[in-house]
Amino acid sequence: MEDKQYYVYMMSNYSKTLYVGVTNNLIRRVYEHKQKLIEGFAGRYNITKLVYFEVSADINVAISREKQIKGWVRKKKIALIESMNPEWNDLSEGSLE
C-alpha cells in the first residue's frame, strides 16, 4: 500500500495577500495557481507564490490544520511563514520532492 501525503500550504502574491489550502498533490496545486486555473479568491487576487507548506500522512490532520491556520489572525500566519521562509521566497522554484 502506497503512503499518501497531504499538504497544508500558504500561497501569496506581490502584496502578501494570503491563501491557505490543503491538497494531496502540492506540485499540481501550485501549477494550478500559477496558471490561474483556480477561480474565486485565489484567481481574483493573483495568488501564485508558494510561501509555506507542511506535510501530513493523515488527511484529517491536514484538514484540521488548514482550518486552524485559516482561523488565525494575519500576524500569526505571517510568523508561521517567516519561521520557515523569512524572505518570502517562492518555494515552488526549488525542489518540492
PDB file of N, CA and C in Angstrom:
ATOM      1  N   MET A   1       0.843  -1.194   0.000  1.00  0.00           N
ATOM      2  CA  MET A   1       0.000   0.000   0.000  1.00  0.00           C
ATOM      3  C   MET A   1       0.885   1.252   0.000  1.00  0.00           C
ATOM      4  N   GLU A   2       0.561   2.151  -0.868  1.00  0.00           N
ATOM      5  CA  GLU A   2       1.348   3.377  -1.016  1.00  0.00           C
ATOM      6  C   GLU A   2       0.995   4.382   0.091  1.00  0.00           C
ATOM      7  N   ASP A   3       2.017   5.001   0.656  1.00  0.00           N
ATOM      8  CA  ASP A   3       1.794   6.048   1.664  1.00  0.00           C
ATOM      9  C   ASP A   3       1.361   7.328   0.970  1.00  0.00           C
ATOM     10  N   LYS A   4       0.289   7.927   1.455  1.00  0.00           N
ATOM     11  CA  LYS A   4      -0.182   9.188   0.905  1.00  0.00           C
ATOM     12  C   LYS A   4       0.409  10.339   1.721  1.00  0.00           C
ATOM     13  N   GLN A   5       0.563  11.454   1.048  1.00  0.00           N
ATOM     14  CA  GLN A   5       0.989  12.663   1.736  1.00  0.00           C
ATOM     15  C   GLN A   5      -0.015  13.759   1.424  1.00  0.00           C
ATOM     16  N   TYR A   6      -0.286  14.559   2.427  1.00  0.00           N
ATOM     17  CA  TYR A   6      -1.210  15.676   2.292  1.00  0.00           C
ATOM     18  C   TYR A   6      -0.478  16.935   2.732  1.00  0.00           C
ATOM     19  N   TYR A   7      -0.778  18.015   2.058  1.00  0.00           N
ATOM     20  CA  TYR A   7      -0.052  19.262   2.282  1.00  0.00           C
ATOM     21  C   TYR A   7      -1.007  20.369   2.693  1.00  0.00           C
ATOM     22  N   VAL A   8      -0.657  21.066   3.747  1.00  0.00           N
ATOM     23  CA  VAL A   8      -1.297  22.329   4.101  1.00  0.00           C
ATOM     24  C   VAL A   8      -0.329  23.376   3.587  1.00  0.00           C
ATOM     25  N   TYR A   9      -0.836  24.334   2.840  1.00  0.00           N
ATOM     26  CA  TYR A   9       0.062  25.292   2.202  1.00  0.00           C
ATOM     27  C   TYR A   9      -0.497  26.705   2.263  1.00  0.00           C
ATOM     28  N   MET A  10       0.414  27.666   2.136  1.00  0.00           N
ATOM     29  CA  MET A  10       0.006  29.060   2.011  1.00  0.00           C
ATOM     30  C   MET A  10       0.637  29.626   0.753  1.00  0.00           C
ATOM     31  N   MET A  11      -0.207  30.283  -0.010  1.00  0.00           N
ATOM     32  CA  MET A  11       0.225  30.978  -1.215  1.00  0.00           C
ATOM     33  C   MET A  11       0.027  32.467  -0.976  1.00  0.00           C
ATOM     34  N   SER A  12       0.746  33.261  -1.757  1.00  0.00           N
ATOM     35  CA  SER A  12       0.663  34.703  -1.610  1.00  0.00           C
ATOM     36  C   SER A  12       0.796  35.365  -2.977  1.00  0.00           C
ATOM     37  N   ASN A  13       0.785  36.683  -2.965  1.00  0.00           N
ATOM     38  CA  ASN A  13       1.003  37.467  -4.175  1.00  0.00           C
ATOM     39  C   ASN A  13       1.979  38.596  -3.868  1.00  0.00           C
ATOM     40  N   TYR A  14       2.150  39.524  -4.793  1.00  0.00           N
ATOM     41  CA  TYR A  14       3.121  40.614  -4.619  1.00  0.00           C
ATOM     42  C   TYR A  14       2.826  41.485  -3.405  1.00  0.00           C
ATOM     43  N   SER A  15       1.561  41.582  -3.017  1.00  0.00           N
ATOM     44  CA  SER A  15       1.212  42.430  -1.867  1.00  0.00           C
ATOM     45  C   SER A  15       0.995  41.624  -0.581  1.00  0.00           C
ATOM     46  N   LYS A  16       1.407  40.354  -0.608  1.00  0.00           N
ATOM     47  CA  LYS A  16       1.351  39.464   0.558  1.00  0.00           C
ATOM     48  C   LYS A  16      -0.077  39.149   1.028  1.00  0.00           C
ATOM     49  N   THR A  17      -1.015  39.129   0.088  1.00  0.00           N
ATOM     50  CA  THR A  17      -2.338  38.600   0.386  1.00  0.00           C
ATOM     51  C   THR A  17      -2.159  37.097   0.570  1.00  0.00           C
ATOM     52  N   LEU A  18      -2.817  36.507   1.555  1.00  0.00           N
ATOM     53  CA  LEU A  18      -2.595  35.093   1.875  1.00  0.00           C
ATOM     54  C   LEU A  18      -3.774  34.207   1.507  1.00  0.00           C
ATOM     55  N   TYR A  19      -3.444  33.002   1.050  1.00  0.00           N
ATOM     56  CA  TYR A  19      -4.417  31.954   0.754  1.00  0.00           C
ATOM     57  C   TYR A  19      -3.929  30.685   1.429  1.00  0.00           C
ATOM     58  N   VAL A  20      -4.796  30.036   2.187  1.00  0.00           N
ATOM     59  CA  VAL A  20      -4.451  28.788   2.874  1.00  0.00           C
ATOM     60  C   VAL A  20      -5.264  27.664   2.245  1.00  0.00           C
ATOM     61  N   GLY A  21      -4.584  26.553   1.924  1.00  0.00           N
ATOM     62  CA  GLY A  21      -5.281  25.437   1.319  1.00  0.00           C
ATOM     63  C   GLY A  21      -4.710  24.104   1.761  1.00  0.00           C
ATOM     64  N   VAL A  22      -5.353  23.031   1.299  1.00  0.00           N
ATOM     65  CA  VAL A  22      -4.889  21.673   1.569  1.00  0.00           C
ATOM     66  C   VAL A  22      -5.006  20.891   0.261  1.00  0.00           C
ATOM     67  N   THR A  23      -4.058  19.986   0.013  1.00  0.00           N
ATOM     68  CA  THR A  23      -4.045  19.199  -1.215  1.00  0.00           C
ATOM     69  C   THR A  23      -3.280  17.896  -0.997  1.00  0.00           C
ATOM     70  N   ASN A  24      -3.502  16.945  -1.878  1.00  0.00           N
ATOM     71  CA  ASN A  24      -2.712  15.719  -1.837  1.00  0.00           C
ATOM     72  C   ASN A  24      -1.621  15.728  -2.902  1.00  0.00           C
ATOM     73  N   ASN A  25      -1.540  16.813  -3.685  1.00  0.00           N
ATOM     74  CA  ASN A  25      -0.515  16.934  -4.722  1.00  0.00           C
ATOM     75  C   ASN A  25      -0.091  18.397  -4.805  1.00  0.00           C
ATOM     76  N   LEU A  26       0.932  18.744  -4.056  1.00  0.00           N
ATOM     77  CA  LEU A  26       1.353  20.140  -3.955  1.00  0.00           C
ATOM     78  C   LEU A  26       1.869  20.686  -5.283  1.00  0.00           C
ATOM     79  N   ILE A  27       2.617  19.883  -6.019  1.00  0.00           N
ATOM     80  CA  ILE A  27       3.159  20.351  -7.301  1.00  0.00           C
ATOM     81  C   ILE A  27       2.033  20.703  -8.262  1.00  0.00           C
ATOM     82  N   ARG A  28       1.039  19.819  -8.370  1.00  0.00           N
ATOM     83  CA  ARG A  28      -0.105  20.090  -9.257  1.00  0.00           C
ATOM     84  C   ARG A  28      -0.876  21.320  -8.792  1.00  0.00           C
ATOM     85  N   ARG A  29      -1.097  21.423  -7.493  1.00  0.00           N
ATOM     86  CA  ARG A  29      -1.899  22.527  -6.962  1.00  0.00           C
ATOM     87  C   ARG A  29      -1.214  23.878  -7.184  1.00  0.00           C
ATOM     88  N   VAL A  30       0.095  23.928  -6.971  1.00  0.00           N
ATOM     89  CA  VAL A  30       0.835  25.168  -7.221  1.00  0.00           C
ATOM     90  C   VAL A  30       0.763  25.523  -8.709  1.00  0.00           C
ATOM     91  N   TYR A  31       0.904  24.532  -9.568  1.00  0.00           N
ATOM     92  CA  TYR A  31       0.782  24.748 -11.014  1.00  0.00           C
ATOM     93  C   TYR A  31      -0.581  25.358 -11.344  1.00  0.00           C
ATOM     94  N   GLU A  32      -1.637  24.813 -10.745  1.00  0.00           N
ATOM     95  CA  GLU A  32      -2.986  25.333 -10.990  1.00  0.00           C
ATOM     96  C   GLU A  32      -3.097  26.795 -10.569  1.00  0.00           C
ATOM     97  N   HIS A  33      -2.484  27.148  -9.448  1.00  0.00           N
ATOM     98  CA  HIS A  33      -2.486  28.555  -9.013  1.00  0.00           C
ATOM     99  C   HIS A  33      -1.713  29.418 -10.005  1.00  0.00           C
ATOM    100  N   LYS A  34      -0.530  28.975 -10.394  1.00  0.00           N
ATOM    101  CA  LYS A  34       0.321  29.776 -11.280  1.00  0.00           C
ATOM    102  C   LYS A  34      -0.286  29.956 -12.671  1.00  0.00           C
ATOM    103  N   GLN A  35      -1.023  28.949 -13.134  1.00  0.00           N
ATOM    104  CA  GLN A  35      -1.665  29.028 -14.449  1.00  0.00           C
ATOM    105  C   GLN A  35      -3.043  29.679 -14.379  1.00  0.00           C
ATOM    106  N   LYS A  36      -3.403  30.167 -13.193  1.00  0.00           N
ATOM    107  CA  LYS A  36      -4.684  30.848 -12.966  1.00  0.00           C
ATOM    108  C   LYS A  36      -5.871  29.937 -13.255  1.00  0.00           C
ATOM    109  N   LEU A  37      -5.739  28.666 -12.922  1.00  0.00           N
ATOM    110  CA  LEU A  37      -6.820  27.705 -13.102  1.00  0.00           C
ATOM    111  C   LEU A  37      -7.743  27.672 -11.884  1.00  0.00           C
ATOM    112  N   ILE A  38      -7.370  28.387 -10.833  1.00  0.00           N
ATOM    113  CA  ILE A  38      -8.142  28.434  -9.602  1.00  0.00           C
ATOM    114  C   ILE A  38      -9.047  29.660  -9.639  1.00  0.00           C
ATOM    115  N   GLU A  39     -10.342  29.419  -9.626  1.00  0.00           N
ATOM    116  CA  GLU A  39     -11.285  30.542  -9.622  1.00  0.00           C
ATOM    117  C   GLU A  39     -11.509  31.018  -8.192  1.00  0.00           C
ATOM    118  N   GLY A  40     -12.237  32.092  -8.054  1.00  0.00           N
ATOM    119  CA  GLY A  40     -12.557  32.613  -6.733  1.00  0.00           C
ATOM    120  C   GLY A  40     -11.446  33.494  -6.182  1.00  0.00           C
ATOM    121  N   PHE A  41     -11.268  33.421  -4.865  1.00  0.00           N
ATOM    122  CA  PHE A  41     -10.329  34.301  -4.161  1.00  0.00           C
ATOM    123  C   PHE A  41      -8.919  34.241  -4.751  1.00  0.00           C
ATOM    124  N   ALA A  42      -8.389  33.029  -4.917  1.00  0.00           N
ATOM    125  CA  ALA A  42      -7.008  32.871  -5.392  1.00  0.00           C
ATOM    126  C   ALA A  42      -6.826  33.452  -6.783  1.00  0.00           C
ATOM    127  N   GLY A  43      -7.778  33.230  -7.655  1.00  0.00           N
ATOM    128  CA  GLY A  43      -7.697  33.779  -9.006  1.00  0.00           C
ATOM    129  C   GLY A  43      -7.859  35.289  -9.030  1.00  0.00           C
ATOM    130  N   ARG A  44      -8.792  35.768  -8.247  1.00  0.00           N
ATOM    131  CA  ARG A  44      -9.086  37.210  -8.205  1.00  0.00           C
ATOM    132  C   ARG A  44      -7.886  38.017  -7.697  1.00  0.00           C
ATOM    133  N   TYR A  45      -7.150  37.446  -6.742  1.00  0.00           N
ATOM    134  CA  TYR A  45      -6.032  38.184  -6.146  1.00  0.00           C
ATOM    135  C   TYR A  45      -4.663  37.747  -6.672  1.00  0.00           C
ATOM    136  N   ASN A  46      -4.640  36.981  -7.770  1.00  0.00           N
ATOM    137  CA  ASN A  46      -3.382  36.592  -8.418  1.00  0.00           C
ATOM    138  C   ASN A  46      -2.430  35.904  -7.430  1.00  0.00           C
ATOM    139  N   ILE A  47      -2.953  34.925  -6.717  1.00  0.00           N
ATOM    140  CA  ILE A  47      -2.192  34.180  -5.702  1.00  0.00           C
ATOM    141  C   ILE A  47      -1.356  33.119  -6.418  1.00  0.00           C
ATOM    142  N   THR A  48      -0.057  33.366  -6.592  1.00  0.00           N
ATOM    143  CA  THR A  48       0.776  32.476  -7.402  1.00  0.00           C
ATOM    144  C   THR A  48       2.103  32.079  -6.757  1.00  0.00           C
ATOM    145  N   LYS A  49       2.340  32.491  -5.538  1.00  0.00           N
ATOM    146  CA  LYS A  49       3.645  32.277  -4.905  1.00  0.00           C
ATOM    147  C   LYS A  49       3.508  31.369  -3.686  1.00  0.00           C
ATOM    148  N   LEU A  50       4.133  30.202  -3.722  1.00  0.00           N
ATOM    149  CA  LEU A  50       4.103  29.283  -2.583  1.00  0.00           C
ATOM    150  C   LEU A  50       5.071  29.799  -1.522  1.00  0.00           C
ATOM    151  N   VAL A  51       4.545  30.152  -0.343  1.00  0.00           N
ATOM    152  CA  VAL A  51       5.410  30.719   0.695  1.00  0.00           C
ATOM    153  C   VAL A  51       5.540  29.830   1.931  1.00  0.00           C
ATOM    154  N   TYR A  52       4.674  28.803   2.049  1.00  0.00           N
ATOM    155  CA  TYR A  52       4.742  27.917   3.209  1.00  0.00           C
ATOM    156  C   TYR A  52       4.031  26.616   2.887  1.00  0.00           C
ATOM    157  N   PHE A  53       4.549  25.515   3.427  1.00  0.00           N
ATOM    158  CA  PHE A  53       3.817  24.259   3.369  1.00  0.00           C
ATOM    159  C   PHE A  53       4.296  23.339   4.473  1.00  0.00           C
ATOM    160  N   GLU A  54       3.436  22.413   4.836  1.00  0.00           N
ATOM    161  CA  GLU A  54       3.795  21.356   5.773  1.00  0.00           C
ATOM    162  C   GLU A  54       3.120  20.079   5.297  1.00  0.00           C
ATOM    163  N   VAL A  55       3.673  18.942   5.681  1.00  0.00           N
ATOM    164  CA  VAL A  55       3.239  17.641   5.182  1.00  0.00           C
ATOM    165  C   VAL A  55       2.630  16.823   6.312  1.00  0.00           C
ATOM    166  N   SER A  56       1.589  16.070   5.976  1.00  0.00           N
ATOM    167  CA  SER A  56       0.968  15.147   6.918  1.00  0.00           C
ATOM    168  C   SER A  56       0.634  13.851   6.187  1.00  0.00           C
ATOM    169  N   ALA A  57       0.668  12.742   6.890  1.00  0.00           N
ATOM    170  CA  ALA A  57       0.284  11.451   6.324  1.00  0.00           C
ATOM    171  C   ALA A  57      -1.209  11.185   6.508  1.00  0.00           C
ATOM    172  N   ASP A  58      -1.892  12.047   7.234  1.00  0.00           N
ATOM    173  CA  ASP A  58      -3.303  11.844   7.567  1.00  0.00           C
ATOM    174  C   ASP A  58      -4.138  13.014   7.046  1.00  0.00           C
ATOM    175  N   ILE A  59      -5.078  12.726   6.160  1.00  0.00           N
ATOM    176  CA  ILE A  59      -5.903  13.789   5.579  1.00  0.00           C
ATOM    177  C   ILE A  59      -6.694  14.536   6.637  1.00  0.00           C
ATOM    178  N   ASN A  60      -7.166  13.839   7.655  1.00  0.00           N
ATOM    179  CA  ASN A  60      -7.944  14.509   8.700  1.00  0.00           C
ATOM    180  C   ASN A  60      -7.092  15.493   9.495  1.00  0.00           C
ATOM    181  N   VAL A  61      -5.848  15.122   9.741  1.00  0.00           N
ATOM    182  CA  VAL A  61      -4.918  16.021  10.431  1.00  0.00           C
ATOM    183  C   VAL A  61      -4.648  17.248   9.549  1.00  0.00           C
ATOM    184  N   ALA A  62      -4.449  17.018   8.248  1.00  0.00           N
ATOM    185  CA  ALA A  62      -4.174  18.126   7.329  1.00  0.00           C
ATOM    186  C   ALA A  62      -5.353  19.091   7.252  1.00  0.00           C
ATOM    187  N   ILE A  63      -6.557  18.550   7.143  1.00  0.00           N
ATOM    188  CA  ILE A  63      -7.746  19.409   7.066  1.00  0.00           C
ATOM    189  C   ILE A  63      -7.933  20.187   8.367  1.00  0.00           C
ATOM    190  N   SER A  64      -7.708  19.532   9.480  1.00  0.00           N
ATOM    191  CA  SER A  64      -7.816  20.205  10.777  1.00  0.00           C
ATOM    192  C   SER A  64      -6.790  21.335  10.890  1.00  0.00           C
ATOM    193  N   ARG A  65      -5.579  21.072  10.439  1.00  0.00           N
ATOM    194  CA  ARG A  65      -4.516  22.089  10.485  1.00  0.00           C
ATOM    195  C   ARG A  65      -4.852  23.264   9.564  1.00  0.00           C
ATOM    196  N   GLU A  66      -5.382  22.967   8.380  1.00  0.00           N
ATOM    197  CA  GLU A  66      -5.787  24.038   7.461  1.00  0.00           C
ATOM    198  C   GLU A  66      -6.823  24.936   8.130  1.00  0.00           C
ATOM    199  N   LYS A  67      -7.821  24.336   8.757  1.00  0.00           N
ATOM    200  CA  LYS A  67      -8.865  25.116   9.439  1.00  0.00           C
ATOM    201  C   LYS A  67      -8.284  25.924  10.591  1.00  0.00           C
ATOM    202  N   GLN A  68      -7.331  25.316  11.310  1.00  0.00           N
ATOM    203  CA  GLN A  68      -6.686  26.027  12.416  1.00  0.00           C
ATOM    204  C   GLN A  68      -5.974  27.276  11.900  1.00  0.00           C
ATOM    205  N   ILE A  69      -5.156  27.108  10.867  1.00  0.00           N
ATOM    206  CA  ILE A  69      -4.394  28.240  10.315  1.00  0.00           C
ATOM    207  C   ILE A  69      -5.331  29.298   9.745  1.00  0.00           C
ATOM    208  N   LYS A  70      -6.379  28.873   9.046  1.00  0.00           N
ATOM    209  CA  LYS A  70      -7.345  29.836   8.492  1.00  0.00           C
ATOM    210  C   LYS A  70      -7.982  30.675   9.593  1.00  0.00           C
ATOM    211  N   GLY A  71      -8.110  30.115  10.794  1.00  0.00           N
ATOM    212  CA  GLY A  71      -8.718  30.837  11.907  1.00  0.00           C
ATOM    213  C   GLY A  71      -7.786  31.808  12.607  1.00  0.00           C
ATOM    214  N   TRP A  72      -6.520  31.734  12.280  1.00  0.00           N
ATOM    215  CA  TRP A  72      -5.542  32.612  12.922  1.00  0.00           C
ATOM    216  C   TRP A  72      -5.635  34.031  12.392  1.00  0.00           C
ATOM    217  N   VAL A  73      -5.187  34.981  13.206  1.00  0.00           N
ATOM    218  CA  VAL A  73      -5.045  36.356  12.738  1.00  0.00           C
ATOM    219  C   VAL A  73      -3.860  36.421  11.780  1.00  0.00           C
ATOM    220  N   ARG A  74      -3.873  37.412  10.928  1.00  0.00           N
ATOM    221  CA  ARG A  74      -2.837  37.563   9.896  1.00  0.00           C
ATOM    222  C   ARG A  74      -1.423  37.549  10.490  1.00  0.00           C
ATOM    223  N   LYS A  75      -1.233  38.243  11.603  1.00  0.00           N
ATOM    224  CA  LYS A  75       0.090  38.341  12.235  1.00  0.00           C
ATOM    225  C   LYS A  75       0.648  36.950  12.561  1.00  0.00           C
ATOM    226  N   LYS A  76      -0.194  36.059  13.043  1.00  0.00           N
ATOM    227  CA  LYS A  76       0.242  34.718  13.403  1.00  0.00           C
ATOM    228  C   LYS A  76       0.585  33.895  12.150  1.00  0.00           C
ATOM    229  N   LYS A  77      -0.184  34.074  11.075  1.00  0.00           N
ATOM    230  CA  LYS A  77       0.115  33.394   9.801  1.00  0.00           C
ATOM    231  C   LYS A  77       1.471  33.864   9.261  1.00  0.00           C
ATOM    232  N   ILE A  78       1.707  35.153   9.339  1.00  0.00           N
ATOM    233  CA  ILE A  78       2.980  35.713   8.864  1.00  0.00           C
ATOM    234  C   ILE A  78       4.142  35.161   9.683  1.00  0.00           C
ATOM    235  N   ALA A  79       3.967  35.051  10.991  1.00  0.00           N
ATOM    236  CA  ALA A  79       5.026  34.491  11.847  1.00  0.00           C
ATOM    237  C   ALA A  79       5.324  33.044  11.457  1.00  0.00           C
ATOM    238  N   LEU A  80       4.290  32.278  11.136  1.00  0.00           N
ATOM    239  CA  LEU A  80       4.497  30.895  10.711  1.00  0.00           C
ATOM    240  C   LEU A  80       5.272  30.847   9.397  1.00  0.00           C
ATOM    241  N   ILE A  81       4.876  31.656   8.439  1.00  0.00           N
ATOM    242  CA  ILE A  81       5.593  31.710   7.149  1.00  0.00           C
ATOM    243  C   ILE A  81       7.050  32.073   7.389  1.00  0.00           C
ATOM    244  N   GLU A  82       7.282  33.125   8.166  1.00  0.00           N
ATOM    245  CA  GLU A  82       8.644  33.629   8.346  1.00  0.00           C
ATOM    246  C   GLU A  82       9.509  32.703   9.189  1.00  0.00           C
ATOM    247  N   SER A  83       8.901  31.776   9.942  1.00  0.00           N
ATOM    248  CA  SER A  83       9.690  30.794  10.687  1.00  0.00           C
ATOM    249  C   SER A  83      10.345  29.794   9.731  1.00  0.00           C
ATOM    250  N   MET A  84       9.753  29.600   8.576  1.00  0.00           N
ATOM    251  CA  MET A  84      10.276  28.665   7.574  1.00  0.00           C
ATOM    252  C   MET A  84      10.884  29.394   6.383  1.00  0.00           C
ATOM    253  N   ASN A  85      10.356  30.568   6.078  1.00  0.00           N
ATOM    254  CA  ASN A  85      10.692  31.268   4.842  1.00  0.00           C
ATOM    255  C   ASN A  85      10.762  32.774   5.107  1.00  0.00           C
ATOM    256  N   PRO A  86      11.797  33.222   5.840  1.00  0.00           N
ATOM    257  CA  PRO A  86      11.859  34.645   6.247  1.00  0.00           C
ATOM    258  C   PRO A  86      11.911  35.629   5.084  1.00  0.00           C
ATOM    259  N   GLU A  87      12.384  35.212   3.934  1.00  0.00           N
ATOM    260  CA  GLU A  87      12.484  36.122   2.777  1.00  0.00           C
ATOM    261  C   GLU A  87      11.246  36.071   1.884  1.00  0.00           C
ATOM    262  N   TRP A  88      10.272  35.240   2.231  1.00  0.00           N
ATOM    263  CA  TRP A  88       9.069  35.058   1.415  1.00  0.00           C
ATOM    264  C   TRP A  88       9.417  34.621  -0.007  1.00  0.00           C
ATOM    265  N   ASN A  89      10.409  33.749  -0.116  1.00  0.00           N
ATOM    266  CA  ASN A  89      10.767  33.216  -1.425  1.00  0.00           C
ATOM    267  C   ASN A  89       9.645  32.323  -1.943  1.00  0.00           C
ATOM    268  N   ASP A  90       9.579  32.169  -3.254  1.00  0.00           N
ATOM    269  CA  ASP A  90       8.623  31.240  -3.847  1.00  0.00           C
ATOM    270  C   ASP A  90       9.206  29.845  -3.728  1.00  0.00           C
ATOM    271  N   LEU A  91       8.687  29.064  -2.804  1.00  0.00           N
ATOM    272  CA  LEU A  91       9.235  27.734  -2.521  1.00  0.00           C
ATOM    273  C   LEU A  91       9.021  26.764  -3.673  1.00  0.00           C
ATOM    274  N   SER A  92       8.135  27.088  -4.596  1.00  0.00           N
ATOM    275  CA  SER A  92       7.917  26.199  -5.734  1.00  0.00           C
ATOM    276  C   SER A  92       9.034  26.328  -6.764  1.00  0.00           C
ATOM    277  N   GLU A  93       9.885  27.329  -6.623  1.00  0.00           N
ATOM    278  CA  GLU A  93      11.006  27.478  -7.541  1.00  0.00           C
ATOM    279  C   GLU A  93      12.154  26.553  -7.193  1.00  0.00           C
ATOM    280  N   GLY A  94      12.129  25.978  -5.993  1.00  0.00           N
ATOM    281  CA  GLY A  94      13.096  24.967  -5.604  1.00  0.00           C
ATOM    282  C   GLY A  94      12.464  23.598  -5.781  1.00  0.00           C
ATOM    283  N   SER A  95      13.038  22.626  -5.192  1.00  0.00           N
ATOM    284  CA  SER A  95      12.503  21.272  -5.298  1.00  0.00           C
ATOM    285  C   SER A  95      11.463  21.026  -4.213  1.00  0.00           C
ATOM    286  N   LEU A  96      10.310  20.524  -4.616  1.00  0.00           N
ATOM    287  CA  LEU A  96       9.262  20.169  -3.666  1.00  0.00           C
ATOM    288  C   LEU A  96       9.264  18.674  -3.391  1.00  0.00           C
ATOM    289  N   GLU A  97      10.093  17.944  -4.074  1.00  0.00           N
ATOM    290  CA  GLU A  97      10.117  16.480  -3.943  1.00  0.00           C
ATOM    291  C   GLU A  97      10.772  16.081  -2.649  1.00  0.00           C
TER     292      GLU A  97
END
